[in-house]
Amino acid sequence: MKFLIFTLVLTISISSYSQEILTKTIDSKELKRKQAIKVYVPKDYKKNTEVQYPVAIVLGDQYLFDLYVGNAKLYADADMAPQQIVIGIDMTTTYDKDTSIIPATNALTNSAINFYNFIKYELLQYTESTFRTSPFLAISAEGKAANFISHFLKESEPIFNAYICATPEFSEFSSELIRSYALQRISEIDNTFFCFC
């Protein structure tokens, strides 16, 4: 009997969780391929039609996405953070190519530039035109992808308000490159800027 109750509760939990995750495909001109994404929509999204939600982009739609969504739900339920939309980019077969750098300079390769432009020009536009979003944007990645997202810091007008670099694999030139971005300028432009590495 206990096993039956446990199985029933687990099934209900999984089905209610999966209803909040949407799977979408973007026909990307930058990548010259269809790009799959997962979208976590907060539980009150349909009910609170006047609310605009911050967006978090997670590079990878597997465990980092699940971890981010779990924490987002936990903090929102405890009123420690606003509810947010979380976008996970499927990089199962393209991770190395999409986050690749030229080792001698830490510059992005052509394929990584295409992925960068996909996020900047296509994914963010898709997100803003499809969902009720607020202006606050975050981006999160780990390992080589954390090094990749640091390149968004060079934009003269910041795209993201928060950068979460989990266990970054920086090259020997990364710190020099990041210093060249003169990050103190961002605090003069926007006082809601956060960088966690």
Protein backbone atom coordinates (compact mmCIF):
# COMPACT_ATOMS: atom_id res chain seq x y z
CA MET A 1 0.00 0.00 0.00
CA LYS A 2 2.81 2.44 0.88
CA PHE A 3 4.49 1.68 -2.45
CA LEU A 4 1.24 2.41 -4.30
CA ILE A 5 0.81 5.76 -2.52
CA PHE A 6 4.47 6.65 -3.16
CA THR A 7 4.11 5.76 -6.86
CA LEU A 8 0.91 7.82 -7.13
CA VAL A 9 2.47 10.88 -5.46
CA LEU A 10 5.60 10.56 -7.62
CA THR A 11 3.52 10.32 -10.81
CA ILE A 12 1.45 13.38 -9.88
CA SER A 13 4.61 15.35 -9.01
CA ILE A 14 6.32 14.43 -12.27
CA SER A 15 3.26 15.17 -14.39
CA SER A 16 2.66 18.55 -12.71
CA TYR A 17 6.35 19.43 -13.16
CA SER A 18 6.40 18.36 -16.80
CA GLN A 19 3.36 20.51 -17.59
CA GLU A 20 5.45 23.57 -16.77
CA ILE A 21 8.18 22.61 -19.25
CA LEU A 22 7.57 23.39 -22.93
CA THR A 23 9.71 22.05 -25.75
CA LYS A 24 10.12 24.44 -28.68
CA THR A 25 12.20 24.64 -31.86
CA ILE A 26 13.65 27.78 -33.41
CA ASP A 27 14.56 27.75 -37.10
CA SER A 28 17.87 29.58 -36.75
CA LYS A 29 19.43 31.50 -39.63
CA GLU A 30 22.54 32.17 -37.55
CA LEU A 31 23.12 28.48 -36.83
CA LYS A 32 21.71 27.24 -40.16
CA ARG A 33 19.78 24.56 -38.28
CA LYS A 34 16.74 24.02 -36.12
CA GLN A 35 17.61 24.68 -32.48
CA ALA A 36 15.64 22.90 -29.75
CA ILE A 37 15.00 24.66 -26.44
CA LYS A 38 13.15 23.86 -23.23
CA VAL A 39 11.11 26.57 -21.54
CA TYR A 40 10.10 26.51 -17.89
CA VAL A 41 7.05 28.72 -17.35
CA PRO A 42 6.15 29.62 -13.73
CA LYS A 43 3.03 27.98 -12.31
CA ASP A 44 1.15 31.30 -12.08
CA TYR A 45 2.01 32.41 -15.63
CA LYS A 46 -1.44 31.72 -17.14
CA LYS A 47 -3.29 32.99 -14.08
CA ASN A 48 -1.38 36.27 -13.63
CA THR A 49 -1.84 37.69 -17.12
CA GLU A 50 -0.58 41.18 -16.16
CA VAL A 51 2.74 39.99 -14.71
CA GLN A 52 5.97 40.20 -16.70
CA TYR A 53 8.65 37.69 -15.77
CA PRO A 54 12.46 37.91 -15.72
CA VAL A 55 14.18 35.45 -18.05
CA ALA A 56 17.14 33.17 -17.42
CA ILE A 57 18.98 31.56 -20.33
CA VAL A 58 20.75 28.31 -19.39
CA LEU A 59 23.31 26.86 -21.77
CA GLY A 60 22.36 23.19 -21.83
CA ASP A 61 18.91 21.73 -21.27
CA GLN A 62 19.92 18.83 -19.05
CA TYR A 63 20.95 18.77 -15.39
CA LEU A 64 22.02 22.44 -15.17
CA PHE A 65 18.61 23.43 -16.53
CA ASP A 66 16.85 21.14 -14.02
CA LEU A 67 19.02 22.47 -11.20
CA TYR A 68 18.32 26.08 -12.18
CA VAL A 69 14.56 25.47 -12.48
CA GLY A 70 14.48 23.67 -9.12
CA ASN A 71 16.27 26.56 -7.41
CA ALA A 72 14.10 29.15 -9.19
CA LYS A 73 10.96 27.41 -7.92
CA LEU A 74 12.38 27.00 -4.41
CA TYR A 75 13.39 30.67 -4.07
CA ALA A 76 10.14 31.92 -5.62
CA ASP A 77 8.03 29.73 -3.29
CA ALA A 78 9.97 31.13 -0.32
CA ASP A 79 9.48 34.72 -1.59
CA MET A 80 13.25 35.13 -1.87
CA ALA A 81 13.21 35.75 -5.64
CA PRO A 82 10.60 36.54 -8.27
CA GLN A 83 9.10 33.79 -10.40
CA GLN A 84 10.99 33.59 -13.68
CA ILE A 85 10.96 32.01 -17.11
CA VAL A 86 13.93 29.67 -17.67
CA ILE A 87 15.14 28.77 -21.18
CA GLY A 88 17.43 25.76 -21.63
CA ILE A 89 19.28 25.45 -24.95
CA ASP A 90 19.76 21.90 -26.24
CA MET A 91 23.52 21.51 -26.78
CA THR A 92 23.70 17.73 -26.57
CA THR A 93 25.57 17.28 -29.85
CA THR A 94 26.89 20.82 -30.41
CA TYR A 95 28.36 21.87 -27.03
CA ASP A 96 32.03 21.80 -28.06
CA LYS A 97 31.42 23.57 -31.37
CA ASP A 98 29.03 26.19 -29.92
CA THR A 99 31.35 27.19 -27.07
CA SER A 100 34.71 26.82 -28.83
CA ILE A 101 37.48 29.41 -28.60
CA ILE A 102 40.80 30.01 -30.32
CA PRO A 103 43.22 28.98 -27.52
CA ALA A 104 45.95 31.49 -28.40
CA THR A 105 43.66 34.51 -28.02
CA ASN A 106 40.50 33.29 -26.21
CA ALA A 107 38.51 34.70 -29.15
CA LEU A 108 35.38 32.87 -30.25
CA THR A 109 35.60 30.58 -33.26
CA ASN A 110 33.25 31.17 -36.20
CA SER A 111 30.83 28.51 -34.98
CA ALA A 112 30.84 30.04 -31.47
CA ILE A 113 30.21 33.50 -32.98
CA ASN A 114 27.18 32.02 -34.77
CA PHE A 115 25.92 30.60 -31.46
CA TYR A 116 26.58 33.95 -29.75
CA ASN A 117 24.54 35.70 -32.45
CA PHE A 118 21.79 33.09 -32.14
CA ILE A 119 21.39 33.97 -28.46
CA LYS A 120 21.69 37.71 -28.99
CA TYR A 121 19.53 38.16 -32.10
CA GLU A 122 17.22 35.15 -32.32
CA LEU A 123 16.65 33.51 -28.94
CA LEU A 124 16.08 36.74 -27.04
CA GLN A 125 13.79 38.08 -29.76
CA TYR A 126 11.83 34.81 -29.78
CA THR A 127 11.51 34.87 -25.99
CA GLU A 128 10.36 38.49 -25.83
CA SER A 129 7.84 38.04 -28.65
CA THR A 130 6.42 34.77 -27.29
CA PHE A 131 6.29 35.29 -23.52
CA ARG A 132 5.49 38.14 -21.13
CA THR A 133 9.01 39.10 -20.12
CA SER A 134 10.45 41.84 -17.95
CA PRO A 135 13.67 43.64 -18.95
CA PHE A 136 15.78 41.63 -16.44
CA LEU A 137 17.81 38.93 -18.22
CA ALA A 138 20.22 36.37 -16.76
CA ILE A 139 22.50 33.85 -18.44
CA SER A 140 24.00 30.77 -16.81
CA ALA A 141 26.52 28.15 -17.90
CA GLU A 142 29.27 25.91 -16.61
CA GLY A 143 32.69 24.79 -17.74
CA LYS A 144 33.68 25.93 -21.23
CA ALA A 145 30.23 27.44 -21.70
CA ALA A 146 30.87 29.67 -18.66
CA ASN A 147 33.95 31.00 -20.45
CA PHE A 148 31.77 31.49 -23.55
CA ILE A 149 29.15 33.62 -21.75
CA SER A 150 31.85 35.93 -20.41
CA HIS A 151 32.13 37.24 -23.99
CA PHE A 152 28.72 38.92 -23.57
CA LEU A 153 30.42 41.25 -21.05
CA LYS A 154 32.17 43.07 -23.90
CA GLU A 155 28.93 44.49 -25.30
CA SER A 156 28.90 48.30 -25.05
CA GLU A 157 25.26 48.12 -23.88
CA PRO A 158 24.85 45.16 -21.50
CA ILE A 159 22.47 42.50 -22.78
CA PHE A 160 22.23 40.55 -19.53
CA ASN A 161 21.82 41.79 -15.98
CA ALA A 162 23.23 38.64 -14.38
CA TYR A 163 25.99 36.22 -15.40
CA ILE A 164 26.30 32.91 -13.54
CA CYS A 165 29.52 31.10 -14.45
CA ALA A 166 29.56 27.75 -12.63
CA THR A 167 32.97 26.05 -12.44
CA PRO A 168 34.30 28.04 -15.41
CA GLU A 169 37.10 26.64 -17.56
CA PHE A 170 38.83 29.90 -18.37
CA SER A 171 41.81 29.94 -20.72
CA GLU A 172 45.08 31.61 -19.72
CA PHE A 173 43.94 34.76 -21.56
CA SER A 174 40.46 34.96 -20.03
CA SER A 175 41.28 37.20 -17.06
CA GLU A 176 43.16 39.64 -19.30
CA LEU A 177 40.27 39.70 -21.75
CA ILE A 178 37.65 40.22 -19.02
CA ARG A 179 39.73 43.08 -17.54
CA SER A 180 39.73 44.70 -20.97
CA TYR A 181 35.92 44.91 -20.84
CA ALA A 182 36.20 47.62 -18.12
CA LEU A 183 33.30 46.21 -16.14
CA GLN A 184 33.10 49.24 -13.85
CA ARG A 185 31.43 51.05 -16.76
CA ILE A 186 28.41 48.73 -16.42
CA SER A 187 27.62 49.98 -12.91
CA GLU A 188 27.37 53.47 -14.40
CA ILE A 189 24.93 52.22 -17.06
CA ASP A 190 22.88 49.79 -14.96
CA ASN A 191 22.83 49.31 -11.21
CA THR A 192 21.20 45.85 -11.48
CA PHE A 193 24.28 44.04 -12.78
CA PHE A 194 25.55 40.82 -11.17
CA CYS A 195 28.39 38.48 -12.08
CA PHE A 196 28.96 35.20 -10.19
CA CYS A 197 31.93 32.97 -11.06
